[in-house]
N, C-alpha and C. Protein backbone atom coordinates (compact mmCIF):
# COMPACT_ATOMS: atom_id res chain seq x y z
N UNK A 1 34.84 14.34 -11.79
CA UNK A 1 33.57 14.68 -11.18
C UNK A 1 33.06 13.47 -10.43
N UNK A 2 32.76 13.59 -9.16
CA UNK A 2 32.31 12.48 -8.34
C UNK A 2 30.84 12.21 -8.55
N UNK A 3 30.40 11.08 -8.04
CA UNK A 3 29.00 10.68 -8.21
C UNK A 3 28.05 11.69 -7.57
N UNK A 4 28.40 12.18 -6.40
CA UNK A 4 27.51 13.11 -5.73
C UNK A 4 27.32 14.37 -6.56
N UNK A 5 28.39 14.86 -7.20
CA UNK A 5 28.27 16.08 -7.99
C UNK A 5 27.39 15.87 -9.22
N UNK A 6 27.32 14.64 -9.73
CA UNK A 6 26.43 14.36 -10.86
C UNK A 6 24.99 14.62 -10.45
N UNK A 7 24.61 14.14 -9.28
CA UNK A 7 23.25 14.35 -8.79
C UNK A 7 23.03 15.79 -8.36
N UNK A 8 24.05 16.39 -7.76
CA UNK A 8 23.93 17.79 -7.33
C UNK A 8 23.68 18.68 -8.54
N UNK A 9 24.35 18.38 -9.65
CA UNK A 9 24.17 19.19 -10.87
C UNK A 9 22.74 19.06 -11.39
N UNK A 10 22.17 17.89 -11.28
CA UNK A 10 20.79 17.67 -11.73
C UNK A 10 19.81 18.26 -10.74
N UNK A 11 20.05 18.01 -9.47
CA UNK A 11 19.19 18.54 -8.41
C UNK A 11 18.08 17.59 -8.01
N UNK A 12 17.67 17.70 -6.78
CA UNK A 12 16.64 16.84 -6.23
C UNK A 12 15.30 17.05 -6.93
N UNK A 13 15.01 18.28 -7.35
CA UNK A 13 13.73 18.55 -8.02
C UNK A 13 13.61 17.74 -9.30
N UNK A 14 14.67 17.71 -10.10
CA UNK A 14 14.64 16.97 -11.37
C UNK A 14 14.55 15.47 -11.12
N UNK A 15 15.25 15.00 -10.12
CA UNK A 15 15.21 13.56 -9.80
C UNK A 15 13.80 13.20 -9.34
N UNK A 16 13.21 14.02 -8.48
CA UNK A 16 11.85 13.76 -8.01
C UNK A 16 10.85 13.80 -9.17
N UNK A 17 11.04 14.73 -10.10
CA UNK A 17 10.15 14.81 -11.27
C UNK A 17 10.21 13.52 -12.07
N UNK A 18 11.39 12.94 -12.23
CA UNK A 18 11.53 11.67 -12.95
C UNK A 18 10.85 10.54 -12.19
N UNK A 19 10.98 10.54 -10.86
CA UNK A 19 10.32 9.51 -10.05
C UNK A 19 8.81 9.62 -10.19
N UNK A 20 8.28 10.84 -10.13
CA UNK A 20 6.84 11.07 -10.26
C UNK A 20 6.35 10.63 -11.63
N UNK A 21 7.18 10.78 -12.65
CA UNK A 21 6.81 10.34 -14.00
C UNK A 21 6.85 8.83 -14.16
N UNK A 22 7.30 8.13 -13.12
CA UNK A 22 7.30 6.67 -13.16
C UNK A 22 8.64 6.04 -13.46
N UNK A 23 9.69 6.84 -13.56
CA UNK A 23 11.02 6.28 -13.83
C UNK A 23 11.49 5.49 -12.61
N UNK A 24 12.16 4.40 -12.87
CA UNK A 24 12.70 3.58 -11.78
C UNK A 24 14.05 4.15 -11.34
N UNK A 25 14.50 3.70 -10.17
CA UNK A 25 15.83 4.10 -9.70
C UNK A 25 16.88 3.68 -10.73
N UNK A 26 16.73 2.48 -11.29
CA UNK A 26 17.70 1.99 -12.28
C UNK A 26 17.75 2.91 -13.50
N UNK A 27 16.60 3.34 -14.00
CA UNK A 27 16.56 4.23 -15.16
C UNK A 27 17.27 5.56 -14.85
N UNK A 28 16.95 6.13 -13.70
CA UNK A 28 17.55 7.42 -13.33
C UNK A 28 19.05 7.27 -13.15
N UNK A 29 19.47 6.20 -12.49
CA UNK A 29 20.91 5.97 -12.29
C UNK A 29 21.62 5.82 -13.64
N UNK A 30 21.02 5.03 -14.54
CA UNK A 30 21.62 4.85 -15.88
C UNK A 30 21.77 6.17 -16.60
N UNK A 31 20.74 7.03 -16.51
CA UNK A 31 20.78 8.34 -17.17
C UNK A 31 21.96 9.18 -16.67
N UNK A 32 22.38 8.91 -15.42
CA UNK A 32 23.47 9.67 -14.82
C UNK A 32 24.79 8.92 -14.85
N UNK A 33 24.78 7.73 -15.44
CA UNK A 33 26.00 6.94 -15.56
C UNK A 33 26.51 6.37 -14.24
N UNK A 34 25.60 6.11 -13.32
CA UNK A 34 25.98 5.56 -12.01
C UNK A 34 25.10 4.35 -11.70
N UNK A 35 25.35 3.75 -10.56
CA UNK A 35 24.57 2.58 -10.16
C UNK A 35 23.34 2.98 -9.36
N UNK A 36 22.42 2.03 -9.27
CA UNK A 36 21.21 2.18 -8.45
C UNK A 36 21.62 2.51 -7.01
N UNK A 37 22.62 1.80 -6.54
CA UNK A 37 23.11 1.98 -5.17
C UNK A 37 23.63 3.40 -4.93
N UNK A 38 24.34 3.96 -5.92
CA UNK A 38 24.86 5.33 -5.77
C UNK A 38 23.72 6.33 -5.64
N UNK A 39 22.66 6.13 -6.44
CA UNK A 39 21.50 7.02 -6.36
C UNK A 39 20.82 6.87 -4.99
N UNK A 40 20.63 5.65 -4.55
CA UNK A 40 20.01 5.41 -3.23
C UNK A 40 20.81 6.05 -2.11
N UNK A 41 22.12 5.92 -2.18
CA UNK A 41 22.98 6.51 -1.14
C UNK A 41 22.88 8.03 -1.16
N UNK A 42 22.86 8.61 -2.33
CA UNK A 42 22.78 10.07 -2.43
C UNK A 42 21.44 10.55 -1.86
N UNK A 43 20.35 9.87 -2.23
CA UNK A 43 19.03 10.28 -1.72
C UNK A 43 18.94 10.10 -0.21
N UNK A 44 19.54 9.03 0.31
CA UNK A 44 19.46 8.75 1.74
C UNK A 44 20.44 9.51 2.60
N UNK A 45 21.38 10.20 1.96
CA UNK A 45 22.43 10.87 2.74
C UNK A 45 21.97 12.16 3.41
N UNK A 46 20.82 12.66 3.04
CA UNK A 46 20.31 13.90 3.64
C UNK A 46 18.81 13.72 3.91
N UNK A 47 18.36 13.94 5.14
CA UNK A 47 16.94 13.68 5.48
C UNK A 47 15.93 14.40 4.59
N UNK A 48 16.20 15.66 4.24
CA UNK A 48 15.28 16.40 3.40
C UNK A 48 15.18 15.77 2.01
N UNK A 49 16.32 15.40 1.45
CA UNK A 49 16.34 14.76 0.13
C UNK A 49 15.58 13.43 0.18
N UNK A 50 15.83 12.67 1.23
CA UNK A 50 15.18 11.37 1.40
C UNK A 50 13.67 11.54 1.49
N UNK A 51 13.22 12.50 2.27
CA UNK A 51 11.78 12.74 2.44
C UNK A 51 11.14 13.17 1.12
N UNK A 52 11.82 14.01 0.37
CA UNK A 52 11.28 14.47 -0.91
C UNK A 52 11.19 13.32 -1.91
N UNK A 53 12.20 12.46 -1.92
CA UNK A 53 12.18 11.30 -2.82
C UNK A 53 11.06 10.33 -2.42
N UNK A 54 10.85 10.16 -1.13
CA UNK A 54 9.78 9.29 -0.64
C UNK A 54 8.42 9.83 -1.07
N UNK A 55 8.23 11.13 -0.96
CA UNK A 55 6.97 11.75 -1.38
C UNK A 55 6.78 11.60 -2.89
N UNK A 56 7.86 11.73 -3.65
CA UNK A 56 7.78 11.57 -5.11
C UNK A 56 7.41 10.13 -5.46
N UNK A 57 7.96 9.18 -4.73
CA UNK A 57 7.64 7.78 -4.98
C UNK A 57 6.17 7.49 -4.65
N UNK A 58 5.64 8.13 -3.63
CA UNK A 58 4.22 7.97 -3.30
C UNK A 58 3.35 8.50 -4.44
N UNK A 59 3.75 9.63 -5.03
CA UNK A 59 3.02 10.16 -6.17
C UNK A 59 3.13 9.23 -7.36
N UNK A 60 4.29 8.63 -7.56
CA UNK A 60 4.49 7.68 -8.66
C UNK A 60 3.59 6.47 -8.47
N UNK A 61 3.42 6.04 -7.23
CA UNK A 61 2.55 4.89 -6.95
C UNK A 61 1.12 5.20 -7.38
N UNK A 62 0.68 6.43 -7.15
CA UNK A 62 -0.66 6.83 -7.60
C UNK A 62 -0.76 6.73 -9.12
N UNK A 63 0.31 7.12 -9.82
CA UNK A 63 0.36 7.02 -11.27
C UNK A 63 0.17 5.57 -11.71
N UNK A 64 0.89 4.64 -11.07
CA UNK A 64 0.79 3.23 -11.45
C UNK A 64 -0.60 2.69 -11.14
N UNK A 65 -1.19 3.12 -10.05
CA UNK A 65 -2.54 2.69 -9.71
C UNK A 65 -3.54 3.20 -10.74
N UNK A 66 -3.42 4.47 -11.13
CA UNK A 66 -4.31 5.04 -12.15
C UNK A 66 -4.14 4.32 -13.48
N UNK A 67 -2.90 3.99 -13.84
CA UNK A 67 -2.65 3.26 -15.09
C UNK A 67 -3.37 1.92 -15.08
N UNK A 68 -3.36 1.26 -13.92
CA UNK A 68 -4.05 -0.02 -13.80
C UNK A 68 -5.54 0.12 -14.08
N UNK A 69 -6.15 1.15 -13.52
CA UNK A 69 -7.57 1.40 -13.76
C UNK A 69 -7.82 1.77 -15.22
N UNK A 70 -6.94 2.57 -15.79
CA UNK A 70 -7.10 3.05 -17.16
C UNK A 70 -7.08 1.90 -18.17
N UNK A 71 -6.13 0.97 -18.04
CA UNK A 71 -6.06 -0.12 -19.02
C UNK A 71 -7.30 -1.00 -18.95
N UNK A 72 -7.87 -1.16 -17.76
CA UNK A 72 -9.10 -1.96 -17.65
C UNK A 72 -10.26 -1.24 -18.31
N UNK A 73 -10.38 0.05 -18.09
CA UNK A 73 -11.46 0.83 -18.70
C UNK A 73 -11.38 0.84 -20.22
N UNK A 74 -10.19 0.79 -20.77
CA UNK A 74 -10.01 0.88 -22.22
C UNK A 74 -10.17 -0.45 -22.95
N UNK A 75 -10.28 -1.54 -22.21
CA UNK A 75 -10.41 -2.85 -22.85
C UNK A 75 -11.72 -2.93 -23.61
N UNK A 76 -11.64 -3.31 -24.89
CA UNK A 76 -12.82 -3.32 -25.75
C UNK A 76 -13.45 -4.71 -25.91
N UNK A 77 -12.69 -5.76 -25.65
CA UNK A 77 -13.22 -7.11 -25.84
C UNK A 77 -12.60 -8.04 -24.79
N UNK A 78 -13.08 -9.27 -24.71
CA UNK A 78 -12.57 -10.20 -23.67
C UNK A 78 -11.06 -10.43 -23.74
N UNK A 79 -10.49 -10.49 -24.95
CA UNK A 79 -9.04 -10.68 -25.06
C UNK A 79 -8.31 -9.48 -24.47
N UNK A 80 -8.73 -8.28 -24.84
CA UNK A 80 -8.10 -7.07 -24.30
C UNK A 80 -8.31 -6.98 -22.78
N UNK A 81 -9.46 -7.41 -22.30
CA UNK A 81 -9.73 -7.37 -20.86
C UNK A 81 -8.78 -8.31 -20.12
N UNK A 82 -8.54 -9.48 -20.68
CA UNK A 82 -7.61 -10.41 -20.05
C UNK A 82 -6.22 -9.79 -19.98
N UNK A 83 -5.78 -9.19 -21.06
CA UNK A 83 -4.47 -8.52 -21.10
C UNK A 83 -4.45 -7.35 -20.13
N UNK A 84 -5.55 -6.58 -20.11
CA UNK A 84 -5.65 -5.41 -19.24
C UNK A 84 -5.56 -5.81 -17.77
N UNK A 85 -6.18 -6.92 -17.40
CA UNK A 85 -6.13 -7.38 -16.02
C UNK A 85 -4.70 -7.73 -15.62
N UNK A 86 -3.96 -8.35 -16.53
CA UNK A 86 -2.56 -8.68 -16.25
C UNK A 86 -1.74 -7.40 -16.08
N UNK A 87 -1.95 -6.44 -16.97
CA UNK A 87 -1.24 -5.16 -16.86
C UNK A 87 -1.61 -4.43 -15.58
N UNK A 88 -2.91 -4.42 -15.26
CA UNK A 88 -3.36 -3.74 -14.04
C UNK A 88 -2.73 -4.39 -12.82
N UNK A 89 -2.66 -5.72 -12.82
CA UNK A 89 -2.01 -6.42 -11.71
C UNK A 89 -0.55 -6.00 -11.59
N UNK A 90 0.14 -5.92 -12.72
CA UNK A 90 1.55 -5.50 -12.70
C UNK A 90 1.68 -4.06 -12.22
N UNK A 91 0.83 -3.17 -12.71
CA UNK A 91 0.91 -1.76 -12.30
C UNK A 91 0.67 -1.61 -10.81
N UNK A 92 -0.29 -2.35 -10.28
CA UNK A 92 -0.57 -2.27 -8.84
C UNK A 92 0.55 -2.90 -8.03
N UNK A 93 1.15 -3.97 -8.58
CA UNK A 93 2.32 -4.56 -7.92
C UNK A 93 3.43 -3.52 -7.86
N UNK A 94 3.61 -2.81 -8.98
CA UNK A 94 4.66 -1.78 -9.02
C UNK A 94 4.35 -0.66 -8.03
N UNK A 95 3.10 -0.27 -7.94
CA UNK A 95 2.71 0.76 -6.97
C UNK A 95 3.07 0.30 -5.56
N UNK A 96 2.82 -0.97 -5.26
CA UNK A 96 3.13 -1.50 -3.93
C UNK A 96 4.63 -1.51 -3.67
N UNK A 97 5.43 -1.73 -4.70
CA UNK A 97 6.89 -1.74 -4.52
C UNK A 97 7.43 -0.32 -4.36
N UNK A 98 6.80 0.63 -5.04
CA UNK A 98 7.26 2.01 -5.00
C UNK A 98 6.85 2.69 -3.70
N UNK A 99 5.66 2.39 -3.21
CA UNK A 99 5.16 3.02 -1.98
C UNK A 99 4.49 1.95 -1.14
N UNK A 100 5.30 1.12 -0.53
CA UNK A 100 4.80 -0.04 0.20
C UNK A 100 3.86 0.31 1.35
N UNK A 101 4.07 1.44 1.99
CA UNK A 101 3.22 1.79 3.13
C UNK A 101 1.81 2.16 2.70
N UNK A 102 1.68 2.65 1.47
CA UNK A 102 0.38 3.07 0.96
C UNK A 102 -0.34 1.95 0.23
N UNK A 103 0.40 1.23 -0.62
CA UNK A 103 -0.18 0.19 -1.45
C UNK A 103 0.31 -1.17 -0.96
N UNK A 104 -0.38 -1.72 0.00
CA UNK A 104 0.02 -3.01 0.55
C UNK A 104 -0.98 -4.07 0.13
N UNK A 105 -0.51 -5.30 0.03
CA UNK A 105 -1.41 -6.38 -0.33
C UNK A 105 -1.74 -7.25 0.88
N UNK A 106 -1.41 -6.78 2.03
CA UNK A 106 -1.75 -7.48 3.26
C UNK A 106 -1.90 -6.44 4.37
N UNK A 107 -2.54 -6.84 5.42
CA UNK A 107 -2.72 -5.93 6.54
C UNK A 107 -2.40 -6.67 7.83
N UNK A 108 -1.83 -5.96 8.75
CA UNK A 108 -1.54 -6.53 10.06
C UNK A 108 -2.61 -6.00 11.00
N UNK A 109 -3.30 -6.91 11.64
CA UNK A 109 -4.38 -6.53 12.55
C UNK A 109 -4.04 -7.08 13.93
N UNK A 110 -4.08 -6.21 14.90
CA UNK A 110 -3.85 -6.62 16.28
C UNK A 110 -5.13 -6.38 17.06
N UNK A 111 -5.54 -7.36 17.81
CA UNK A 111 -6.76 -7.25 18.59
C UNK A 111 -6.38 -7.25 20.07
N UNK A 112 -6.93 -6.30 20.79
CA UNK A 112 -6.68 -6.25 22.24
C UNK A 112 -7.99 -6.06 22.96
N UNK A 113 -7.95 -6.33 24.21
CA UNK A 113 -9.12 -6.14 25.05
C UNK A 113 -9.17 -4.71 25.56
N UNK A 114 -10.01 -4.48 26.56
CA UNK A 114 -10.17 -3.16 27.14
C UNK A 114 -8.85 -2.63 27.68
N UNK A 115 -8.58 -1.37 27.42
CA UNK A 115 -7.36 -0.72 27.90
C UNK A 115 -6.08 -1.31 27.33
N UNK A 116 -6.17 -2.00 26.18
CA UNK A 116 -4.98 -2.58 25.57
C UNK A 116 -4.58 -3.92 26.18
N UNK A 117 -5.37 -4.41 27.07
CA UNK A 117 -5.06 -5.69 27.73
C UNK A 117 -5.46 -6.88 26.87
N UNK A 118 -5.39 -8.05 27.46
CA UNK A 118 -5.74 -9.26 26.70
C UNK A 118 -7.23 -9.31 26.38
N UNK A 119 -7.54 -10.03 25.33
CA UNK A 119 -8.94 -10.20 24.94
C UNK A 119 -9.59 -11.15 25.94
N UNK A 120 -10.74 -10.77 26.40
CA UNK A 120 -11.47 -11.60 27.34
C UNK A 120 -12.47 -12.49 26.62
N UNK A 121 -12.63 -13.69 27.09
CA UNK A 121 -13.60 -14.62 26.53
C UNK A 121 -14.65 -14.89 27.60
N UNK A 122 -15.88 -14.72 27.20
CA UNK A 122 -16.97 -14.90 28.14
C UNK A 122 -17.87 -16.02 27.64
N UNK A 123 -18.18 -16.96 28.50
CA UNK A 123 -19.13 -18.02 28.16
C UNK A 123 -20.43 -17.75 28.90
N UNK A 124 -21.51 -17.87 28.16
CA UNK A 124 -22.83 -17.68 28.76
C UNK A 124 -23.53 -19.02 28.86
N UNK A 125 -24.19 -19.23 29.95
CA UNK A 125 -25.02 -20.43 30.08
C UNK A 125 -26.36 -20.14 29.40
N UNK A 126 -27.14 -21.16 29.20
CA UNK A 126 -28.46 -20.99 28.59
C UNK A 126 -29.32 -20.05 29.43
N UNK A 127 -29.21 -20.16 30.75
CA UNK A 127 -30.01 -19.30 31.63
C UNK A 127 -29.58 -17.84 31.50
N UNK A 128 -28.26 -17.61 31.40
CA UNK A 128 -27.76 -16.23 31.26
C UNK A 128 -28.20 -15.63 29.93
N UNK A 129 -28.15 -16.43 28.85
CA UNK A 129 -28.60 -15.94 27.55
C UNK A 129 -30.09 -15.62 27.58
N UNK A 130 -30.86 -16.47 28.25
CA UNK A 130 -32.31 -16.25 28.34
C UNK A 130 -32.62 -14.97 29.09
N UNK A 131 -31.74 -14.57 30.00
CA UNK A 131 -31.97 -13.37 30.81
C UNK A 131 -31.57 -12.08 30.07
N UNK A 132 -30.87 -12.21 28.96
CA UNK A 132 -30.45 -11.02 28.21
C UNK A 132 -31.63 -10.39 27.50
N UNK A 133 -31.57 -9.06 27.35
CA UNK A 133 -32.61 -8.34 26.63
C UNK A 133 -32.42 -8.47 25.12
N UNK A 134 -33.46 -8.11 24.38
CA UNK A 134 -33.44 -8.20 22.92
C UNK A 134 -32.30 -7.38 22.32
N UNK A 135 -32.05 -6.17 22.84
CA UNK A 135 -30.98 -5.31 22.31
C UNK A 135 -29.61 -5.96 22.52
N UNK A 136 -29.39 -6.57 23.67
CA UNK A 136 -28.12 -7.24 23.95
C UNK A 136 -27.91 -8.43 23.03
N UNK A 137 -28.97 -9.20 22.80
CA UNK A 137 -28.88 -10.36 21.91
C UNK A 137 -28.60 -9.92 20.47
N UNK A 138 -29.25 -8.86 20.03
CA UNK A 138 -29.04 -8.35 18.67
C UNK A 138 -27.60 -7.84 18.50
N UNK A 139 -27.07 -7.20 19.53
CA UNK A 139 -25.69 -6.71 19.48
C UNK A 139 -24.71 -7.88 19.38
N UNK A 140 -24.97 -8.95 20.15
CA UNK A 140 -24.12 -10.14 20.10
C UNK A 140 -24.18 -10.79 18.72
N UNK A 141 -25.38 -10.90 18.17
CA UNK A 141 -25.56 -11.51 16.85
C UNK A 141 -24.85 -10.69 15.78
N UNK A 142 -24.94 -9.37 15.88
CA UNK A 142 -24.26 -8.49 14.92
C UNK A 142 -22.75 -8.68 14.99
N UNK A 143 -22.21 -8.81 16.21
CA UNK A 143 -20.77 -9.01 16.39
C UNK A 143 -20.33 -10.35 15.80
N UNK A 144 -21.12 -11.39 16.02
CA UNK A 144 -20.80 -12.72 15.48
C UNK A 144 -20.84 -12.68 13.96
N UNK A 145 -21.84 -12.05 13.39
CA UNK A 145 -21.98 -11.93 11.94
C UNK A 145 -20.83 -11.14 11.34
N UNK A 146 -20.45 -10.04 12.00
CA UNK A 146 -19.36 -9.21 11.51
C UNK A 146 -18.04 -9.98 11.47
N UNK A 147 -17.86 -10.88 12.39
CA UNK A 147 -16.65 -11.70 12.44
C UNK A 147 -16.68 -12.84 11.42
N UNK A 148 -17.83 -13.04 10.78
CA UNK A 148 -17.95 -14.11 9.80
C UNK A 148 -18.17 -15.47 10.42
N UNK A 149 -18.56 -15.49 11.68
CA UNK A 149 -18.80 -16.76 12.37
C UNK A 149 -20.23 -17.20 12.10
N UNK A 150 -20.49 -18.49 12.18
CA UNK A 150 -21.88 -18.95 11.95
C UNK A 150 -22.77 -18.46 13.09
N UNK A 151 -23.94 -18.02 12.71
CA UNK A 151 -24.89 -17.54 13.71
C UNK A 151 -25.41 -18.71 14.54
N UNK A 152 -25.60 -18.49 15.83
CA UNK A 152 -26.14 -19.58 16.66
C UNK A 152 -27.56 -19.91 16.24
N UNK A 153 -27.94 -21.14 16.47
CA UNK A 153 -29.30 -21.56 16.09
C UNK A 153 -30.28 -21.28 17.18
């Protein structure tokens, strides 16, 4: 019996159910007597199977995120809270590994100017600033504050 037939006998539904329950690829592969790589190849060999496994992993990530919140809520004293924070950190790390697109610990931000072009920089002279209306000045101050820059004096 080949490796593919082992997974075919189990079926994608059962494999996805194990993923949703939080089982790792290694655990599922071990249960079937094959390697992690064999399971990955089988899941990736058919687009529908791959998509279903990806969706199952996204659901598993939600499970790990909920577990992180749960252990913190259940902490009864400072010692348990310290332990709970470590567990929550691990569970959220696991969620990020299982569904990286959903649970990321960084963000990529791209800034562009009008129409996707370069960002324009405008310098105002004291006279030009003095000529601006109150609404324009307030909008500029709000933008500076939102960026976390020090407000002009």
